[in-house]
């Protein structure tokens, strides 16, 4: 797959004049990911020099590829730059557990969203599937961390897949926003 991406880059494939201009300044894995996502989901809805965004692409409410990447060592060392979001209502008493599970899992109570930020769509599926396992009591934090490490090693080192990487293993949620309560 990487050979295919590299050959695309070297051929200077034109996607869209504005996006082509923006991507001239991008390089590396983030640029490769943008091309993979364009191939899978079509042209993005927004593009700037710092990030590229798709809305309602496939199972995602939002997908953002950031130019800036951050090192992340869990479950295996990688760079975080691909953020993907779904509608999901997390009960308040699970916020701390989810923060302990994965620091690149973001819960927005007010918007009713859960986002995972990693370097691969498969890893984002895994993080959100394991979030659901924690919230529904199927796994505790430590078990989810061990399981994530085990299957992630299999994916990255041996190319082994898991249903946790392929799709959501739970039903889509709606009406997840929580505007909180007024005090005056």
N, C-alpha and C. Protein backbone atom coordinates (compact mmCIF):
# COMPACT_ATOMS: atom_id res chain seq x y z
N UNK A 1 0.82 -1.18 0.00
CA UNK A 1 0.00 0.00 0.00
C UNK A 1 0.87 1.25 0.00
N UNK A 2 1.94 1.29 0.79
CA UNK A 2 2.81 2.47 0.81
C UNK A 2 3.45 2.73 -0.54
N UNK A 3 3.80 1.65 -1.29
CA UNK A 3 4.35 1.83 -2.64
C UNK A 3 3.34 2.53 -3.54
N UNK A 4 2.06 2.15 -3.38
CA UNK A 4 1.01 2.76 -4.18
C UNK A 4 0.91 4.26 -3.86
N UNK A 5 0.97 4.59 -2.58
CA UNK A 5 0.89 5.99 -2.16
C UNK A 5 2.09 6.77 -2.69
N UNK A 6 3.28 6.20 -2.51
CA UNK A 6 4.48 6.88 -2.98
C UNK A 6 4.43 7.11 -4.48
N UNK A 7 3.94 6.13 -5.23
CA UNK A 7 3.87 6.33 -6.67
C UNK A 7 2.87 7.40 -7.02
N UNK A 8 1.79 7.51 -6.26
CA UNK A 8 0.83 8.59 -6.49
C UNK A 8 1.48 9.94 -6.25
N UNK A 9 2.24 10.05 -5.17
CA UNK A 9 2.89 11.32 -4.85
C UNK A 9 3.88 11.71 -5.95
N UNK A 10 4.65 10.75 -6.41
CA UNK A 10 5.65 11.06 -7.42
C UNK A 10 5.03 11.40 -8.76
N UNK A 11 3.82 10.95 -9.00
CA UNK A 11 3.14 11.27 -10.24
C UNK A 11 2.48 12.65 -10.18
N UNK A 12 2.46 13.29 -9.00
CA UNK A 12 1.82 14.59 -8.82
C UNK A 12 0.38 14.59 -9.30
N UNK A 13 -0.39 13.69 -8.74
CA UNK A 13 -1.79 13.57 -9.10
C UNK A 13 -2.51 14.86 -8.74
N UNK A 14 -3.25 15.38 -9.69
CA UNK A 14 -4.05 16.58 -9.44
C UNK A 14 -5.41 16.15 -8.91
N UNK A 15 -5.76 16.67 -7.76
CA UNK A 15 -7.03 16.33 -7.13
C UNK A 15 -8.03 17.47 -7.33
N UNK A 16 -7.61 18.65 -6.98
CA UNK A 16 -8.41 19.87 -7.10
C UNK A 16 -7.42 21.02 -7.01
N UNK A 17 -7.54 22.04 -7.85
CA UNK A 17 -6.52 23.10 -7.86
C UNK A 17 -6.21 23.71 -6.49
N UNK A 18 -7.23 24.01 -5.71
CA UNK A 18 -7.00 24.63 -4.39
C UNK A 18 -6.35 23.63 -3.45
N UNK A 19 -6.87 22.41 -3.42
CA UNK A 19 -6.31 21.38 -2.55
C UNK A 19 -4.89 21.02 -2.97
N UNK A 20 -4.64 20.95 -4.28
CA UNK A 20 -3.28 20.68 -4.77
C UNK A 20 -2.31 21.72 -4.24
N UNK A 21 -2.71 22.98 -4.26
CA UNK A 21 -1.85 24.07 -3.79
C UNK A 21 -1.54 23.90 -2.29
N UNK A 22 -2.56 23.56 -1.52
CA UNK A 22 -2.37 23.36 -0.08
C UNK A 22 -1.44 22.17 0.16
N UNK A 23 -1.67 21.07 -0.53
CA UNK A 23 -0.89 19.85 -0.30
C UNK A 23 0.55 19.95 -0.80
N UNK A 24 0.87 20.95 -1.61
CA UNK A 24 2.26 21.17 -2.02
C UNK A 24 3.16 21.36 -0.80
N UNK A 25 2.62 21.95 0.26
CA UNK A 25 3.40 22.24 1.47
C UNK A 25 3.39 21.09 2.48
N UNK A 26 2.57 20.08 2.24
CA UNK A 26 2.48 18.93 3.13
C UNK A 26 3.45 17.87 2.64
N UNK A 27 3.86 17.00 3.55
CA UNK A 27 4.72 15.88 3.16
C UNK A 27 4.46 14.72 4.11
N UNK A 28 5.09 13.61 3.83
CA UNK A 28 5.06 12.48 4.74
C UNK A 28 3.73 11.80 4.86
N UNK A 29 3.56 11.16 6.00
CA UNK A 29 2.41 10.30 6.24
C UNK A 29 1.09 11.07 6.25
N UNK A 30 1.10 12.32 6.72
CA UNK A 30 -0.14 13.09 6.72
C UNK A 30 -0.64 13.30 5.29
N UNK A 31 0.27 13.64 4.39
CA UNK A 31 -0.11 13.83 2.99
C UNK A 31 -0.60 12.52 2.38
N UNK A 32 0.08 11.42 2.68
CA UNK A 32 -0.33 10.11 2.20
C UNK A 32 -1.74 9.78 2.68
N UNK A 33 -2.01 10.09 3.95
CA UNK A 33 -3.32 9.81 4.52
C UNK A 33 -4.40 10.62 3.83
N UNK A 34 -4.12 11.87 3.52
CA UNK A 34 -5.09 12.70 2.79
C UNK A 34 -5.46 12.03 1.47
N UNK A 35 -4.45 11.57 0.73
CA UNK A 35 -4.73 10.90 -0.55
C UNK A 35 -5.52 9.61 -0.36
N UNK A 36 -5.20 8.84 0.66
CA UNK A 36 -5.97 7.62 0.94
C UNK A 36 -7.43 7.95 1.24
N UNK A 37 -7.65 9.00 2.04
CA UNK A 37 -9.02 9.38 2.40
C UNK A 37 -9.77 9.95 1.21
N UNK A 38 -9.09 10.68 0.34
CA UNK A 38 -9.74 11.17 -0.88
C UNK A 38 -10.17 9.99 -1.74
N UNK A 39 -9.30 9.01 -1.85
CA UNK A 39 -9.63 7.80 -2.63
C UNK A 39 -10.84 7.09 -2.02
N UNK A 40 -10.92 7.04 -0.70
CA UNK A 40 -12.00 6.32 -0.02
C UNK A 40 -13.29 7.13 0.09
N UNK A 41 -13.18 8.44 0.43
CA UNK A 41 -14.35 9.24 0.75
C UNK A 41 -14.63 10.40 -0.21
N UNK A 42 -13.75 10.62 -1.16
CA UNK A 42 -13.93 11.75 -2.07
C UNK A 42 -13.24 13.00 -1.53
N UNK A 43 -13.45 14.11 -2.23
CA UNK A 43 -12.80 15.36 -1.85
C UNK A 43 -13.28 15.82 -0.47
N UNK A 44 -12.39 16.46 0.29
CA UNK A 44 -12.79 16.97 1.61
C UNK A 44 -13.74 18.15 1.47
N UNK A 45 -14.40 18.47 2.58
CA UNK A 45 -15.30 19.62 2.61
C UNK A 45 -14.59 20.92 2.92
N UNK A 46 -13.47 20.84 3.64
CA UNK A 46 -12.69 22.01 3.99
C UNK A 46 -11.21 21.68 3.91
N UNK A 47 -10.42 22.68 3.54
CA UNK A 47 -8.98 22.48 3.51
C UNK A 47 -8.30 23.81 3.83
N UNK A 48 -7.30 23.73 4.69
CA UNK A 48 -6.48 24.90 5.01
C UNK A 48 -5.03 24.44 5.07
N UNK A 49 -4.15 25.35 5.34
CA UNK A 49 -2.74 24.98 5.41
C UNK A 49 -2.44 24.08 6.61
N UNK A 50 -3.31 24.04 7.62
CA UNK A 50 -3.06 23.29 8.85
C UNK A 50 -3.87 22.00 9.00
N UNK A 51 -5.02 21.92 8.32
CA UNK A 51 -5.84 20.72 8.44
C UNK A 51 -6.80 20.57 7.25
N UNK A 52 -7.26 19.34 7.06
CA UNK A 52 -8.20 19.02 5.98
C UNK A 52 -9.34 18.23 6.62
N UNK A 53 -10.60 18.61 6.27
CA UNK A 53 -11.77 18.07 6.96
C UNK A 53 -12.79 17.47 5.99
N UNK A 54 -13.31 16.30 6.37
CA UNK A 54 -14.46 15.69 5.72
C UNK A 54 -15.59 15.66 6.75
N UNK A 55 -16.83 15.89 6.29
CA UNK A 55 -18.00 15.78 7.16
C UNK A 55 -18.88 14.63 6.65
N UNK A 56 -19.42 13.88 7.60
CA UNK A 56 -20.34 12.78 7.27
C UNK A 56 -19.75 11.86 6.20
N UNK A 57 -18.52 11.45 6.42
CA UNK A 57 -17.85 10.54 5.49
C UNK A 57 -17.89 9.13 6.06
N UNK A 58 -18.57 8.26 5.35
CA UNK A 58 -18.72 6.89 5.81
C UNK A 58 -19.38 6.86 7.18
N UNK A 59 -18.80 6.14 8.13
CA UNK A 59 -19.40 6.04 9.46
C UNK A 59 -19.09 7.24 10.35
N UNK A 60 -18.31 8.18 9.86
CA UNK A 60 -17.80 9.28 10.69
C UNK A 60 -18.66 10.53 10.56
N UNK A 61 -18.82 11.21 11.67
CA UNK A 61 -19.45 12.53 11.66
C UNK A 61 -18.47 13.56 11.10
N UNK A 62 -17.19 13.33 11.42
CA UNK A 62 -16.15 14.27 10.98
C UNK A 62 -14.80 13.56 10.98
N UNK A 63 -14.00 13.85 9.98
CA UNK A 63 -12.63 13.35 9.90
C UNK A 63 -11.72 14.54 9.63
N UNK A 64 -10.66 14.66 10.43
CA UNK A 64 -9.70 15.75 10.25
C UNK A 64 -8.30 15.17 10.18
N UNK A 65 -7.57 15.56 9.15
CA UNK A 65 -6.14 15.24 9.07
C UNK A 65 -5.41 16.53 9.39
N UNK A 66 -4.58 16.50 10.43
CA UNK A 66 -3.81 17.66 10.85
C UNK A 66 -2.40 17.58 10.25
N UNK A 67 -1.88 18.72 9.85
CA UNK A 67 -0.49 18.79 9.41
C UNK A 67 0.44 18.51 10.58
N UNK A 68 0.12 19.06 11.74
CA UNK A 68 0.94 18.85 12.94
C UNK A 68 0.61 17.50 13.56
N UNK A 69 1.63 16.75 13.89
CA UNK A 69 1.45 15.44 14.51
C UNK A 69 2.10 15.43 15.88
N UNK A 70 1.54 14.61 16.78
CA UNK A 70 2.05 14.51 18.14
C UNK A 70 2.42 13.06 18.45
N UNK A 71 3.57 12.83 19.07
CA UNK A 71 3.95 11.46 19.42
C UNK A 71 3.02 10.88 20.48
N UNK A 72 2.68 9.62 20.30
CA UNK A 72 1.80 8.93 21.24
C UNK A 72 2.29 7.49 21.37
N UNK A 73 2.52 7.02 22.56
CA UNK A 73 3.12 5.71 22.77
C UNK A 73 2.14 4.59 23.07
N UNK A 74 0.85 4.91 23.18
CA UNK A 74 -0.12 3.85 23.48
C UNK A 74 -1.01 3.62 22.28
N UNK A 75 -1.30 2.37 21.94
CA UNK A 75 -0.78 1.15 22.52
C UNK A 75 0.60 0.77 21.98
N UNK A 76 1.00 1.36 20.86
CA UNK A 76 2.35 1.21 20.33
C UNK A 76 2.79 2.59 19.86
N UNK A 77 4.08 2.87 19.79
CA UNK A 77 4.53 4.20 19.37
C UNK A 77 4.07 4.56 17.95
N UNK A 78 3.51 5.75 17.82
CA UNK A 78 3.04 6.27 16.55
C UNK A 78 2.85 7.78 16.69
N UNK A 79 2.44 8.43 15.62
CA UNK A 79 2.16 9.87 15.64
C UNK A 79 0.65 10.07 15.50
N UNK A 80 0.08 10.95 16.31
CA UNK A 80 -1.35 11.27 16.22
C UNK A 80 -1.55 12.48 15.31
N UNK A 81 -2.34 12.30 14.27
CA UNK A 81 -2.68 13.41 13.36
C UNK A 81 -4.02 13.19 12.67
N UNK A 82 -4.63 12.02 12.79
CA UNK A 82 -5.90 11.70 12.15
C UNK A 82 -6.98 11.59 13.22
N UNK A 83 -7.86 12.58 13.25
CA UNK A 83 -8.93 12.61 14.25
C UNK A 83 -10.25 12.29 13.58
N UNK A 84 -11.00 11.35 14.19
CA UNK A 84 -12.29 10.98 13.64
C UNK A 84 -13.32 10.97 14.76
N UNK A 85 -14.52 11.47 14.44
CA UNK A 85 -15.53 11.79 15.44
C UNK A 85 -16.85 11.10 15.11
N UNK A 86 -17.53 10.67 16.17
CA UNK A 86 -18.89 10.12 16.05
C UNK A 86 -19.77 10.78 17.11
N UNK A 87 -21.09 10.67 16.93
CA UNK A 87 -22.02 11.04 17.98
C UNK A 87 -22.04 9.91 19.00
N UNK A 88 -21.82 10.27 20.26
CA UNK A 88 -21.81 9.24 21.31
C UNK A 88 -21.99 9.94 22.65
N UNK A 89 -22.92 9.44 23.43
CA UNK A 89 -23.17 10.00 24.76
C UNK A 89 -22.47 9.13 25.80
N UNK A 90 -21.48 9.71 26.43
CA UNK A 90 -20.73 9.00 27.47
C UNK A 90 -21.27 9.43 28.83
N UNK A 91 -21.72 8.48 29.65
CA UNK A 91 -22.15 8.82 31.01
C UNK A 91 -21.00 9.49 31.77
N UNK A 92 -21.32 10.50 32.54
CA UNK A 92 -20.31 11.30 33.24
C UNK A 92 -19.34 10.46 34.08
N UNK A 93 -19.83 9.44 34.72
CA UNK A 93 -18.96 8.67 35.61
C UNK A 93 -17.91 7.84 34.86
N UNK A 94 -17.92 7.85 33.52
CA UNK A 94 -16.90 7.14 32.75
C UNK A 94 -15.81 8.05 32.19
N UNK A 95 -15.94 9.36 32.37
CA UNK A 95 -14.95 10.28 31.80
C UNK A 95 -13.53 9.98 32.28
N UNK A 96 -13.37 9.79 33.58
CA UNK A 96 -12.02 9.51 34.12
C UNK A 96 -11.49 8.18 33.60
N UNK A 97 -12.34 7.16 33.54
CA UNK A 97 -11.90 5.86 33.03
C UNK A 97 -11.42 5.98 31.58
N UNK A 98 -12.14 6.73 30.77
CA UNK A 98 -11.77 6.86 29.36
C UNK A 98 -10.48 7.64 29.21
N UNK A 99 -10.25 8.63 30.06
CA UNK A 99 -8.99 9.38 30.03
C UNK A 99 -7.83 8.47 30.43
N UNK A 100 -8.07 7.57 31.39
CA UNK A 100 -7.03 6.61 31.77
C UNK A 100 -6.78 5.58 30.67
N UNK A 101 -7.83 5.22 29.96
CA UNK A 101 -7.69 4.23 28.89
C UNK A 101 -6.81 4.75 27.76
N UNK A 102 -7.09 5.96 27.26
CA UNK A 102 -6.36 6.46 26.09
C UNK A 102 -6.39 7.99 26.09
N UNK A 103 -5.24 8.60 26.18
CA UNK A 103 -5.14 10.06 26.18
C UNK A 103 -5.50 10.72 24.86
N UNK A 104 -5.65 9.93 23.81
CA UNK A 104 -6.04 10.48 22.51
C UNK A 104 -7.49 10.15 22.18
N UNK A 105 -8.26 9.92 23.22
CA UNK A 105 -9.70 9.73 23.11
C UNK A 105 -10.32 10.98 23.74
N UNK A 106 -11.14 11.69 22.98
CA UNK A 106 -11.68 12.97 23.43
C UNK A 106 -13.20 12.89 23.49
N UNK A 107 -13.73 13.25 24.64
CA UNK A 107 -15.17 13.23 24.85
C UNK A 107 -15.64 14.68 24.96
N UNK A 108 -16.64 15.04 24.17
CA UNK A 108 -17.24 16.37 24.24
C UNK A 108 -18.68 16.19 24.71
N UNK A 109 -18.89 16.39 25.99
CA UNK A 109 -20.20 16.17 26.60
C UNK A 109 -21.26 17.08 25.98
N UNK A 110 -20.96 18.34 25.83
CA UNK A 110 -21.95 19.29 25.33
C UNK A 110 -22.40 18.94 23.92
N UNK A 111 -21.46 18.66 23.04
CA UNK A 111 -21.80 18.30 21.65
C UNK A 111 -22.30 16.86 21.53
N UNK A 112 -22.01 16.03 22.54
CA UNK A 112 -22.39 14.63 22.48
C UNK A 112 -21.55 13.87 21.47
N UNK A 113 -20.24 14.13 21.50
CA UNK A 113 -19.33 13.52 20.54
C UNK A 113 -18.19 12.79 21.25
N UNK A 114 -17.68 11.79 20.55
CA UNK A 114 -16.46 11.10 20.97
C UNK A 114 -15.53 11.09 19.77
N UNK A 115 -14.27 11.44 20.00
CA UNK A 115 -13.28 11.47 18.93
C UNK A 115 -12.07 10.65 19.34
N UNK A 116 -11.49 10.00 18.35
CA UNK A 116 -10.23 9.29 18.53
C UNK A 116 -9.23 9.92 17.59
N UNK A 117 -7.98 10.05 18.06
CA UNK A 117 -6.92 10.65 17.25
C UNK A 117 -5.73 9.70 17.25
N UNK A 118 -5.40 9.24 16.06
CA UNK A 118 -4.30 8.28 15.91
C UNK A 118 -3.63 8.54 14.56
N UNK A 119 -3.06 7.50 13.97
CA UNK A 119 -2.43 7.64 12.66
C UNK A 119 -3.10 6.76 11.60
N UNK A 120 -4.09 5.98 12.01
CA UNK A 120 -4.79 5.10 11.09
C UNK A 120 -6.26 5.06 11.45
N UNK A 121 -7.10 4.98 10.43
CA UNK A 121 -8.53 4.84 10.66
C UNK A 121 -8.82 3.57 11.47
N UNK A 122 -8.12 2.49 11.19
CA UNK A 122 -8.33 1.24 11.92
C UNK A 122 -8.11 1.43 13.42
N UNK A 123 -7.09 2.17 13.79
CA UNK A 123 -6.81 2.42 15.21
C UNK A 123 -7.88 3.29 15.84
N UNK A 124 -8.46 4.21 15.07
CA UNK A 124 -9.56 5.03 15.60
C UNK A 124 -10.81 4.18 15.83
N UNK A 125 -11.10 3.26 14.90
CA UNK A 125 -12.20 2.32 15.14
C UNK A 125 -11.95 1.55 16.44
N UNK A 126 -10.73 1.04 16.60
CA UNK A 126 -10.41 0.25 17.79
C UNK A 126 -10.62 1.07 19.06
N UNK A 127 -10.10 2.29 19.10
CA UNK A 127 -10.21 3.12 20.30
C UNK A 127 -11.67 3.38 20.66
N UNK A 128 -12.49 3.67 19.67
CA UNK A 128 -13.90 3.96 19.94
C UNK A 128 -14.67 2.68 20.28
N UNK A 129 -14.32 1.56 19.68
CA UNK A 129 -14.95 0.29 20.06
C UNK A 129 -14.61 -0.08 21.50
N UNK A 130 -13.36 0.12 21.89
CA UNK A 130 -12.97 -0.17 23.26
C UNK A 130 -13.57 0.83 24.24
N UNK A 131 -13.75 2.09 23.82
CA UNK A 131 -14.46 3.06 24.65
C UNK A 131 -15.86 2.52 24.95
N UNK A 132 -16.53 2.03 23.92
CA UNK A 132 -17.87 1.48 24.10
C UNK A 132 -17.85 0.28 25.05
N UNK A 133 -16.84 -0.58 24.89
CA UNK A 133 -16.73 -1.73 25.80
C UNK A 133 -16.60 -1.28 27.25
N UNK A 134 -15.84 -0.23 27.49
CA UNK A 134 -15.67 0.29 28.85
C UNK A 134 -16.98 0.87 29.37
N UNK A 135 -17.64 1.67 28.55
CA UNK A 135 -18.88 2.34 28.96
C UNK A 135 -20.01 1.33 29.21
N UNK A 136 -20.00 0.23 28.50
CA UNK A 136 -21.06 -0.77 28.68
C UNK A 136 -20.69 -1.85 29.69
N UNK A 137 -19.49 -1.75 30.29
CA UNK A 137 -19.08 -2.69 31.31
C UNK A 137 -18.50 -3.99 30.79
N UNK A 138 -18.29 -4.10 29.48
CA UNK A 138 -17.71 -5.33 28.91
C UNK A 138 -16.24 -5.48 29.31
N UNK A 139 -15.56 -4.34 29.46
CA UNK A 139 -14.14 -4.34 29.85
C UNK A 139 -13.89 -3.24 30.86
N UNK A 140 -12.88 -3.46 31.70
CA UNK A 140 -12.42 -2.36 32.55
C UNK A 140 -11.23 -1.70 31.84
N UNK A 141 -10.71 -0.63 32.39
CA UNK A 141 -9.64 0.13 31.75
C UNK A 141 -8.41 -0.74 31.49
N UNK A 142 -7.97 -1.45 32.50
CA UNK A 142 -6.75 -2.25 32.35
C UNK A 142 -6.92 -3.35 31.30
N UNK A 143 -8.06 -4.01 31.30
CA UNK A 143 -8.32 -5.04 30.31
C UNK A 143 -8.36 -4.44 28.90
N UNK A 144 -8.99 -3.28 28.77
CA UNK A 144 -9.06 -2.62 27.46
C UNK A 144 -7.67 -2.22 26.97
N UNK A 145 -6.82 -1.72 27.87
CA UNK A 145 -5.45 -1.35 27.49
C UNK A 145 -4.64 -2.57 27.05
N UNK A 146 -4.76 -3.66 27.79
CA UNK A 146 -4.04 -4.89 27.41
C UNK A 146 -4.52 -5.41 26.06
N UNK A 147 -5.83 -5.44 25.87
CA UNK A 147 -6.40 -5.92 24.62
C UNK A 147 -5.97 -5.02 23.45
N UNK A 148 -6.01 -3.70 23.63
CA UNK A 148 -5.60 -2.77 22.58
C UNK A 148 -4.15 -3.01 22.20
N UNK A 149 -3.29 -3.20 23.18
CA UNK A 149 -1.87 -3.44 22.91
C UNK A 149 -1.68 -4.73 22.14
N UNK A 150 -2.37 -5.76 22.55
CA UNK A 150 -2.25 -7.06 21.88
C UNK A 150 -2.68 -7.00 20.42
N UNK A 151 -3.85 -6.45 20.14
CA UNK A 151 -4.32 -6.47 18.75
C UNK A 151 -3.61 -5.42 17.90
N UNK A 152 -3.17 -4.32 18.51
CA UNK A 152 -2.42 -3.31 17.76
C UNK A 152 -1.07 -3.86 17.32
N UNK A 153 -0.40 -4.59 18.19
CA UNK A 153 0.87 -5.23 17.81
C UNK A 153 0.64 -6.17 16.63
N UNK A 154 -0.43 -6.93 16.69
CA UNK A 154 -0.75 -7.84 15.60
C UNK A 154 -0.98 -7.11 14.29
N UNK A 155 -1.65 -5.96 14.36
CA UNK A 155 -1.91 -5.16 13.15
C UNK A 155 -0.62 -4.59 12.60
N UNK A 156 0.14 -3.93 13.45
CA UNK A 156 1.32 -3.20 12.98
C UNK A 156 2.51 -4.11 12.64
N UNK A 157 2.67 -5.21 13.38
CA UNK A 157 3.84 -6.06 13.17
C UNK A 157 3.58 -7.24 12.23
N UNK A 158 2.34 -7.71 12.22
CA UNK A 158 2.06 -8.91 11.43
C UNK A 158 0.93 -8.74 10.43
N UNK A 159 0.35 -7.55 10.36
CA UNK A 159 -0.74 -7.31 9.41
C UNK A 159 -2.03 -8.03 9.76
N UNK A 160 -2.16 -8.48 11.01
CA UNK A 160 -3.37 -9.19 11.44
C UNK A 160 -4.49 -8.20 11.71
N UNK A 161 -5.67 -8.55 11.28
CA UNK A 161 -6.81 -7.68 11.52
C UNK A 161 -7.64 -8.18 12.69
N UNK A 162 -8.62 -7.40 13.05
CA UNK A 162 -9.57 -7.73 14.11
C UNK A 162 -10.85 -6.98 13.79
N UNK A 163 -11.99 -7.52 14.17
CA UNK A 163 -13.24 -6.76 13.97
C UNK A 163 -13.18 -5.37 14.61
N UNK A 164 -12.39 -5.21 15.67
CA UNK A 164 -12.27 -3.92 16.34
C UNK A 164 -11.66 -2.85 15.43
N UNK A 165 -10.92 -3.26 14.40
CA UNK A 165 -10.30 -2.32 13.46
C UNK A 165 -11.16 -2.00 12.25
N UNK A 166 -12.20 -2.77 12.01
CA UNK A 166 -12.88 -2.74 10.73
C UNK A 166 -14.14 -1.89 10.68
N UNK A 167 -14.86 -1.82 11.78
CA UNK A 167 -16.13 -1.09 11.81
C UNK A 167 -16.54 -0.91 13.27
N UNK A 168 -17.62 -0.17 13.47
CA UNK A 168 -18.13 -0.03 14.83
C UNK A 168 -18.87 -1.29 15.22
N UNK A 169 -18.60 -1.76 16.41
CA UNK A 169 -19.22 -2.98 16.92
C UNK A 169 -20.41 -2.64 17.81
N UNK A 170 -20.97 -1.47 17.62
CA UNK A 170 -22.13 -1.00 18.37
C UNK A 170 -22.98 -0.15 17.44
N UNK A 171 -24.21 0.06 17.83
CA UNK A 171 -25.15 0.81 17.00
C UNK A 171 -24.87 2.31 17.07
N UNK A 172 -25.14 2.97 15.97
CA UNK A 172 -25.00 4.42 15.88
C UNK A 172 -25.95 5.09 16.87
N UNK A 173 -25.46 6.12 17.53
CA UNK A 173 -26.29 6.85 18.48
C UNK A 173 -26.76 8.17 17.86
N UNK A 174 -27.85 8.68 18.39
CA UNK A 174 -28.34 10.00 17.97
C UNK A 174 -28.86 10.73 19.20
N UNK A 175 -29.10 12.01 19.08
CA UNK A 175 -29.57 12.84 20.20
C UNK A 175 -28.63 12.70 21.39
N UNK A 176 -27.35 12.89 21.14
CA UNK A 176 -26.32 12.65 22.16
C UNK A 176 -25.87 13.93 22.87
N UNK A 177 -26.27 15.09 22.37
CA UNK A 177 -25.81 16.35 22.97
C UNK A 177 -26.36 16.51 24.38
N UNK A 178 -25.58 17.15 25.22
CA UNK A 178 -25.97 17.42 26.61
C UNK A 178 -25.68 18.89 26.91
N UNK A 179 -26.69 19.77 26.73
CA UNK A 179 -26.46 21.20 26.94
C UNK A 179 -26.33 21.60 28.41
N UNK A 180 -26.41 20.63 29.32
CA UNK A 180 -26.28 20.87 30.75
C UNK A 180 -27.51 21.59 31.28
N UNK A 181 -27.48 22.10 32.50
CA UNK A 181 -28.63 22.75 33.12
C UNK A 181 -28.28 24.19 33.49
N UNK A 182 -29.30 25.03 33.48
CA UNK A 182 -29.13 26.44 33.85
C UNK A 182 -29.09 26.57 35.37
N UNK A 183 -28.28 27.52 35.81
CA UNK A 183 -28.25 27.82 37.25
C UNK A 183 -28.85 29.18 37.57
N UNK A 184 -29.22 29.95 36.57
CA UNK A 184 -29.91 31.21 36.84
C UNK A 184 -30.85 31.52 35.73
